[in-house]
Structure formats: structure tokens, C-alpha cells
Amino acid sequence: MSQTGERLGMDALAVVLNGPKALALRHLALRTPTEADVVVDVAWSGISTGTERLLWQGRMPHFPGLGYPLVPGYEAVGRVVAAPADCVHRIDDAVLVPGADCFADVRALFGATASRLVAPAARVVAIDPRLGERAVLLTLAATAHHAIGVHGASRPDLIVGHGVLGRLLARLATGMAGAPPVVWETNPDRVSGALGYPVTTPERDARRDYRCICDASGDPAILDSLLARLAPGGEIVLAGFYADRLSFAFPPAFMREARLRVAAEFRPADLEAVSRMVEHGRLSLDGLITHRMAATQADAAYRTAFDDPSCLKMILDWRSSV
């Protein structure tokens, strides 16, 4: 493996969740890179208010590999500092690392919130360095694309939630053929910031003929209210992440012959698609990052991300952390 001039230290400062609401910054040993890996020094990482909030709260449904202590996160952006000689990624290339499993003594459920990462070169995505910190949003944009942009998916005409995921869903849907989607948002702090689509509340919206409703709220009790707004033969897409069981009254769903689709995590093709869209000006990542803190303030950053309703997206800055 080629590398920068001095020998790389194979450890990293990482955010570690030791349990619910028990966060620490720890120096962790990194596994030795193989000839299929690159080493990335992280500049910025994002905090997810979906999956990471559930990990923080201790409400994450069981997944293989879940357990504390763990390193969270799947939104890391940095530069390559070591790579195999025949690798597509070169030293100093700007890249996105959508998760890593490279720590010797803790679990890595997503595993990218750290100052340095070792990851398979095939998993790392080259990015335009001019995006800077905004590049952390590419994974969430890919999540939105997977929900509504995959082959055969219905274009949503109602999106529920105007957080970052809801805004990206709305921006993608607005760029498709047809009228812009309607967005529901009940939090007054999140009503502003629309780009070419209307934002309203359920109470102010009388429509009951939506063909496709995409939920980005993560509210497990929302299905009955959405079914009441669905046209016959319509579809509800669950694009959020839900900690509790979802249920709904059967008769309204039966009468509408409703369809229900669960959007899984993004795929490499989704990342490639949204990266091209951003590059060609067909998807904007502007105006979505509202808060920034040094990585050394991670505990305060996580609490702000989850408790401050004005915080759309929190960025951790790792550049001066070591």
C-alpha cells in the first residue's frame, strides 16, 4: 500500500456510544489495511437524526451487529491518505465514506464517526472537493433517491416531514415531471426553506386523493391519517425509520385497495445517481446544514442535533481534532 510521506498512525479519535445517552470520545486502534482498502482522514461527518437518534435513545430495533459500545455514523467526508498502487482512489482525493467497520475493540454499526477510517476502496465514493461539508448529505440524498427514484417507483405527490430527508425527497420530486409535491410539516421551525414546492399542515390541507404519499416523519402512529388521504389504488412509501411497530385499521386500507412500500437503505447506484445530479445542478444540497461543532464537542453536538428543533443538520468538524 502506498501512503503519504510519514508513517501513518493506525489509530483514530472516534465517537463511541457506550450506551443510551452515554457518549465518549476515545482513541481506538484501527485494523491493518489490506490491499483492497484505503485510509481516509475525515474532515467532516454528519449526525443522523433518524438511526443515530434511536441509537442515542436506546430504541434502535435489533439489527445484526447492534450492541454497545459502538461507533455510529455513515456520513463521513475526507481525503485519502493511503491507497493501493492500482486503486481508483489516489492520495489526497476527496471521498465520502458511507460507513466503516475498522475498529479493533468496539462494534461499528455504521462506524464512520471518527477522525480516520479504513474502508474497502470499492465502498468509498469519489466526490467533488468543492462540495466541502455539504458532501456529508450525499448519503441522505441517496436514501431519498432510493425511496422515490428507483425503477418503477411512484412519484410522490405528498411528502410528510420537512426535515432534511423530507426536503431532499421534495427537491428530487420537484425535479421530476409533473406538479411539485405538497409537503406537510407541523413544526413551525421547519416550515421555511422550500424550493419550488408548497409546505402546509395536515389541518390546512383538504385533499383526499393523493396517489403516492411518502412519509419521512418516522412516526409509527401515522398510517391511519395517511390512509384517509389516499386515492383508491394509491401507495404509501415508508421512507423514515421506525422504532415501534406500525399498525393501521384494515377497513380504510381495504376500501382504497391501498399499497404499502418500505424503502430500504440506499445502494451504490443511488449514491452515483445523486452525485451526478448534484454535479450537473439538478439537485441542490444548499441550505440544509444549520449547525456545526468541533468534533471535540461531540456530546454537546449530539444533544443539540436531537433536542433543538431548529437544528436540521449538525456537522462535526474533525480537522483540528488530533
Protein backbone atom coordinates (compact mmCIF):
# COMPACT_ATOMS: atom_id res chain seq x y z
CA MET A 1 0.00 0.00 0.00
CA SER A 2 1.26 3.46 -0.93
CA GLN A 3 0.91 6.25 1.62
CA THR A 4 1.86 9.78 2.48
CA GLY A 5 5.44 10.65 3.41
CA GLU A 6 5.44 9.77 7.11
CA ARG A 7 4.25 6.50 8.55
CA LEU A 8 0.53 6.59 9.26
CA GLY A 9 -0.58 6.17 12.84
CA MET A 10 -3.16 3.41 12.84
CA ASP A 11 -5.49 4.76 15.46
CA ALA A 12 -8.33 7.27 15.41
CA LEU A 13 -10.27 9.55 17.68
CA ALA A 14 -13.85 8.28 17.48
CA VAL A 15 -17.29 8.97 18.87
CA VAL A 16 -18.28 5.96 20.97
CA LEU A 17 -21.76 5.33 22.33
CA ASN A 18 -21.21 3.27 25.48
CA GLY A 19 -24.96 3.07 25.99
CA PRO A 20 -28.06 5.26 25.65
CA LYS A 21 -27.10 8.93 26.08
CA ALA A 22 -23.61 7.85 27.17
CA LEU A 23 -21.19 9.29 24.62
CA ALA A 24 -17.42 9.47 24.82
CA LEU A 25 -14.52 10.42 22.57
CA ARG A 26 -11.95 7.61 22.57
CA HIS A 27 -8.74 6.82 20.75
CA LEU A 28 -9.32 3.46 19.08
CA ALA A 29 -6.96 1.14 17.29
CA LEU A 30 -7.68 0.64 13.60
CA ARG A 31 -7.40 -2.68 11.82
CA THR A 32 -4.48 -3.08 9.45
CA PRO A 33 -5.45 -2.09 5.89
CA THR A 34 -5.47 -4.79 3.25
CA GLU A 35 -4.60 -4.34 -0.40
CA ALA A 36 -8.31 -3.73 -1.04
CA ASP A 37 -8.55 -0.83 1.44
CA VAL A 38 -7.98 2.89 1.53
CA VAL A 39 -7.24 5.02 4.59
CA VAL A 40 -9.18 8.27 4.88
CA ASP A 41 -8.60 11.25 7.15
CA VAL A 42 -12.03 12.62 7.93
CA ALA A 43 -12.75 16.35 7.67
CA TRP A 44 -16.48 16.36 8.42
CA SER A 45 -19.15 13.92 9.48
CA GLY A 46 -22.89 14.35 9.88
CA ILE A 47 -25.19 13.31 12.69
CA SER A 48 -28.28 11.39 11.56
CA THR A 49 -31.48 12.35 13.35
CA GLY A 50 -33.02 9.04 12.27
CA THR A 51 -30.90 5.99 13.05
CA GLU A 52 -28.41 7.77 15.31
CA ARG A 53 -31.19 9.30 17.38
CA LEU A 54 -32.54 5.79 18.02
CA LEU A 55 -29.07 4.55 18.97
CA TRP A 56 -28.68 7.55 21.29
CA GLN A 57 -32.07 6.89 22.89
CA GLY A 58 -31.52 3.13 23.16
CA ARG A 59 -34.60 2.50 21.00
CA MET A 60 -32.94 1.10 17.90
CA PRO A 61 -34.64 -2.14 16.79
CA HIS A 62 -32.36 -5.15 16.84
CA PHE A 63 -30.05 -5.47 13.87
CA PRO A 64 -27.13 -7.86 13.32
CA GLY A 65 -24.09 -6.24 14.92
CA LEU A 66 -26.11 -3.98 17.21
CA GLY A 67 -24.75 -3.58 20.73
CA TYR A 68 -22.82 -1.14 22.87
CA PRO A 69 -20.17 0.20 22.84
CA LEU A 70 -20.37 1.19 19.19
CA VAL A 71 -19.16 3.81 16.73
CA PRO A 72 -22.15 5.31 14.86
CA GLY A 73 -22.42 7.25 11.63
CA TYR A 74 -22.44 6.79 7.86
CA GLU A 75 -21.78 10.34 6.63
CA ALA A 76 -18.02 10.92 6.67
CA VAL A 77 -16.15 13.08 4.17
CA GLY A 78 -12.39 13.44 3.95
CA ARG A 79 -9.30 12.77 1.87
CA VAL A 80 -7.41 9.62 1.01
CA VAL A 81 -4.07 9.34 2.83
CA ALA A 82 -3.15 5.78 1.84
CA ALA A 83 -4.22 3.56 -1.03
CA PRO A 84 -3.04 0.54 -3.04
CA ALA A 85 -0.92 1.39 -6.05
CA ASP A 86 -3.60 0.16 -8.51
CA CYS A 87 -6.53 1.78 -6.71
CA VAL A 88 -9.03 4.08 -8.43
CA HIS A 89 -8.63 6.45 -5.47
CA ARG A 90 -5.38 8.41 -5.20
CA ILE A 91 -3.66 10.22 -2.35
CA ASP A 92 -5.48 13.48 -1.49
CA ASP A 93 -8.63 12.53 -3.40
CA ALA A 94 -11.81 13.84 -1.74
CA VAL A 95 -14.11 10.96 -0.84
CA LEU A 96 -17.27 10.01 1.01
CA VAL A 97 -17.17 7.02 3.37
CA PRO A 98 -20.74 5.74 3.88
CA GLY A 99 -19.86 3.59 6.89
CA ALA A 100 -16.85 1.58 8.03
CA ASP A 101 -16.01 -1.46 10.14
CA CYS A 102 -12.42 -0.81 11.10
CA PHE A 103 -12.13 -0.63 14.90
CA ALA A 104 -10.41 -3.28 16.92
CA ASP A 105 -12.30 -3.22 20.21
CA VAL A 106 -15.81 -1.76 19.69
CA ARG A 107 -18.75 -2.52 17.46
CA ALA A 108 -19.18 -0.43 14.33
CA LEU A 109 -22.86 -0.16 13.47
CA PHE A 110 -22.30 2.19 10.50
CA GLY A 111 -18.97 3.16 12.10
CA ALA A 112 -17.87 6.34 10.30
CA THR A 113 -17.82 9.00 13.05
CA ALA A 114 -14.08 9.15 13.59
CA SER A 115 -11.01 11.14 12.61
CA ARG A 116 -9.54 8.34 10.48
CA LEU A 117 -11.15 5.36 8.75
CA VAL A 118 -10.07 2.22 6.96
CA ALA A 119 -12.60 1.09 4.37
CA PRO A 120 -12.75 -1.05 1.23
CA ALA A 121 -11.86 1.07 -1.77
CA ALA A 122 -14.92 -0.26 -3.59
CA ARG A 123 -17.19 1.19 -0.89
CA VAL A 124 -15.62 4.65 -0.85
CA VAL A 125 -17.12 7.21 -3.25
CA ALA A 126 -15.14 9.92 -5.03
CA ILE A 127 -16.69 13.38 -4.63
CA ASP A 128 -16.23 16.90 -5.92
CA PRO A 129 -13.99 18.60 -3.32
CA ARG A 130 -15.83 21.87 -3.97
CA LEU A 131 -18.83 20.44 -2.10
CA GLY A 132 -16.90 20.66 1.16
CA GLU A 133 -19.03 19.82 4.20
CA ARG A 134 -22.18 19.56 2.06
CA ALA A 135 -20.90 16.23 0.75
CA VAL A 136 -21.98 14.55 4.01
CA LEU A 137 -25.56 15.00 2.72
CA LEU A 138 -24.99 12.67 -0.24
CA THR A 139 -25.89 9.56 1.75
CA LEU A 140 -29.20 11.06 2.85
CA ALA A 141 -29.82 12.21 -0.71
CA ALA A 142 -29.15 8.64 -1.81
CA THR A 143 -31.67 7.43 0.78
CA ALA A 144 -34.26 9.81 -0.68
CA HIS A 145 -33.41 8.68 -4.20
CA HIS A 146 -33.84 5.03 -3.25
CA ALA A 147 -37.30 5.81 -1.86
CA ILE A 148 -38.67 7.56 -4.94
CA GLY A 149 -36.13 7.40 -7.75
CA VAL A 150 -35.69 3.66 -8.26
CA HIS A 151 -37.12 1.99 -11.35
CA GLY A 152 -40.87 1.53 -11.09
CA ALA A 153 -41.31 3.77 -8.05
CA SER A 154 -44.26 6.15 -7.96
CA ARG A 155 -43.57 9.87 -7.91
CA PRO A 156 -44.88 11.22 -4.56
CA ASP A 157 -47.47 13.98 -4.61
CA LEU A 158 -47.45 14.28 -0.79
CA ILE A 159 -44.35 14.16 1.42
CA VAL A 160 -44.74 14.09 5.20
CA GLY A 161 -41.99 15.87 7.13
CA HIS A 162 -39.80 18.84 6.20
CA GLY A 163 -36.60 17.79 7.89
CA VAL A 164 -33.51 17.13 5.79
CA LEU A 165 -34.80 13.85 4.36
CA GLY A 166 -38.19 15.39 3.57
CA ARG A 167 -36.54 18.36 1.87
CA LEU A 168 -34.34 16.11 -0.24
CA LEU A 169 -37.37 13.99 -1.19
CA ALA A 170 -39.22 17.17 -2.15
CA ARG A 171 -36.30 18.53 -4.16
CA LEU A 172 -35.96 15.26 -6.06
CA ALA A 173 -39.70 15.01 -6.69
CA THR A 174 -39.88 18.65 -7.82
CA GLY A 175 -37.25 17.85 -10.43
CA MET A 176 -39.42 15.07 -11.90
CA ALA A 177 -42.17 15.57 -14.45
CA GLY A 178 -45.47 16.78 -13.05
CA ALA A 179 -46.62 19.24 -10.42
CA PRO A 180 -44.41 19.78 -7.36
CA PRO A 181 -45.35 17.69 -4.31
CA VAL A 182 -47.16 19.05 -1.27
CA VAL A 183 -45.17 18.80 1.98
CA TRP A 184 -46.72 18.52 5.43
CA GLU A 185 -44.87 19.92 8.43
CA THR A 186 -46.29 20.59 11.91
CA ASN A 187 -43.16 22.14 13.45
CA PRO A 188 -43.18 25.91 12.82
CA ASP A 189 -39.35 25.96 12.96
CA ARG A 190 -39.22 23.75 9.85
CA VAL A 191 -41.80 25.32 7.56
CA SER A 192 -39.43 27.68 5.75
CA GLY A 193 -36.79 26.72 3.22
CA ALA A 194 -38.94 25.20 0.46
CA LEU A 195 -37.54 25.27 -3.08
CA GLY A 196 -40.43 25.35 -5.54
CA TYR A 197 -42.99 23.31 -3.58
CA PRO A 198 -45.67 24.25 -1.00
CA VAL A 199 -45.38 23.43 2.71
CA THR A 200 -48.53 23.23 4.80
CA THR A 201 -50.04 21.39 7.76
CA PRO A 202 -52.44 18.42 7.62
CA GLU A 203 -55.17 20.61 9.11
CA ARG A 204 -54.90 23.13 6.28
CA ASP A 205 -54.89 20.50 3.55
CA ALA A 206 -58.31 19.22 2.45
CA ARG A 207 -57.08 16.83 -0.26
CA ARG A 208 -58.03 13.16 0.00
CA ASP A 209 -56.89 11.93 -3.39
CA TYR A 210 -53.11 11.61 -3.15
CA ARG A 211 -51.81 8.86 -5.42
CA CYS A 212 -48.49 8.45 -3.63
CA ILE A 213 -47.67 9.58 -0.10
CA CYS A 214 -44.07 9.39 1.06
CA ASP A 215 -43.59 9.51 4.84
CA ALA A 216 -40.32 10.88 6.19
CA SER A 217 -41.62 11.57 9.69
CA GLY A 218 -40.65 8.31 11.39
CA ASP A 219 -43.98 8.43 13.28
CA PRO A 220 -45.20 4.83 13.78
CA ALA A 221 -48.77 6.04 14.50
CA ILE A 222 -49.22 7.93 11.24
CA LEU A 223 -50.66 5.30 8.90
CA ASP A 224 -54.35 5.80 9.69
CA SER A 225 -54.16 9.53 8.95
CA LEU A 226 -52.30 8.87 5.69
CA LEU A 227 -54.77 6.21 4.55
CA ALA A 228 -57.56 8.76 4.98
CA ARG A 229 -55.83 10.98 2.38
CA LEU A 230 -55.06 8.26 -0.16
CA ALA A 231 -56.78 7.87 -3.51
CA PRO A 232 -58.14 4.42 -4.46
CA GLY A 233 -55.25 2.21 -5.51
CA GLY A 234 -52.75 4.67 -4.04
CA GLU A 235 -49.42 3.90 -2.41
CA ILE A 236 -47.80 4.85 0.88
CA VAL A 237 -43.99 4.77 0.93
CA LEU A 238 -42.32 4.47 4.33
CA ALA A 239 -39.05 6.35 3.91
CA GLY A 240 -38.39 7.08 7.58
CA PHE A 241 -37.01 4.79 10.25
CA TYR A 242 -39.45 3.48 12.84
CA ALA A 243 -38.59 2.28 16.34
CA ASP A 244 -42.02 0.87 17.18
CA ARG A 245 -44.48 -1.41 15.44
CA LEU A 246 -46.62 0.17 12.75
CA SER A 247 -50.32 -0.65 12.61
CA PHE A 248 -53.41 0.59 10.82
CA ALA A 249 -57.16 -0.01 10.67
CA PHE A 250 -57.85 -2.52 7.93
CA PRO A 251 -61.24 -1.28 6.54
CA PRO A 252 -59.96 2.07 5.15
CA ALA A 253 -56.98 0.31 3.55
CA PHE A 254 -59.30 -2.35 2.14
CA MET A 255 -61.74 0.19 0.72
CA ARG A 256 -58.91 2.03 -1.03
CA GLU A 257 -57.05 -1.12 -2.08
CA ALA A 258 -54.00 0.64 -0.68
CA ARG A 259 -50.43 -0.38 -1.36
CA LEU A 260 -47.63 -0.10 1.19
CA ARG A 261 -43.93 0.01 0.29
CA VAL A 262 -40.96 0.10 2.65
CA ALA A 263 -37.89 1.89 1.30
CA ALA A 264 -34.70 0.11 2.34
CA GLU A 265 -31.26 1.65 2.68
CA PHE A 266 -29.59 3.23 -0.33
CA ARG A 267 -27.48 1.28 -2.80
CA PRO A 268 -24.28 2.31 -4.60
CA ALA A 269 -26.33 3.14 -7.69
CA ASP A 270 -28.33 5.67 -5.65
CA LEU A 271 -25.13 7.38 -4.49
CA GLU A 272 -23.89 7.52 -8.06
CA ALA A 273 -27.19 8.96 -9.28
CA VAL A 274 -27.43 11.76 -6.73
CA SER A 275 -23.74 12.60 -7.13
CA ARG A 276 -24.34 13.13 -10.86
CA MET A 277 -27.44 15.19 -10.14
CA VAL A 278 -25.54 17.47 -7.76
CA GLU A 279 -22.65 17.76 -10.21
CA HIS A 280 -24.97 18.82 -13.04
CA GLY A 281 -27.01 21.24 -10.94
CA ARG A 282 -30.17 19.13 -10.88
CA LEU A 283 -30.13 18.67 -7.08
CA SER A 284 -29.11 21.32 -4.56
CA LEU A 285 -27.60 20.50 -1.18
CA ASP A 286 -27.65 24.14 -0.10
CA GLY A 287 -29.41 25.39 3.00
CA LEU A 288 -29.65 22.04 4.77
CA ILE A 289 -26.73 22.26 7.21
CA THR A 290 -27.74 24.55 10.06
CA HIS A 291 -25.32 23.71 12.89
CA ARG A 292 -21.60 22.93 13.18
CA MET A 293 -19.37 21.99 16.10
CA ALA A 294 -15.83 20.77 16.56
CA ALA A 295 -15.63 17.00 16.97
CA THR A 296 -14.20 17.55 20.43
CA GLN A 297 -17.64 18.94 21.37
CA ALA A 298 -19.41 15.80 20.19
CA ASP A 299 -21.52 15.30 23.31
CA ALA A 300 -22.99 18.81 23.04
CA ALA A 301 -23.38 18.39 19.28
CA TYR A 302 -25.42 15.19 19.64
CA ARG A 303 -27.68 16.77 22.26
CA THR A 304 -28.25 19.81 20.05
CA ALA A 305 -28.94 17.65 16.98
CA PHE A 306 -31.63 15.69 18.80
CA ASP A 307 -33.11 18.27 21.17
CA ASP A 308 -33.04 21.59 19.29
CA PRO A 309 -35.98 21.80 16.83
CA SER A 310 -34.15 24.47 14.82
CA CYS A 311 -31.33 22.05 14.04
CA LEU A 312 -31.86 20.47 10.64
CA LYS A 313 -28.37 19.03 10.25
CA MET A 314 -25.41 19.02 12.62
CA ILE A 315 -21.87 18.67 11.26
CA LEU A 316 -18.87 17.54 13.30
CA ASP A 317 -15.62 19.16 12.17
CA TRP A 318 -12.67 16.77 12.64
CA ARG A 319 -9.96 18.89 11.05
CA SER A 320 -8.42 20.10 14.32
CA SER A 321 -9.35 17.09 16.47
CA VAL A 322 -5.92 15.46 16.54
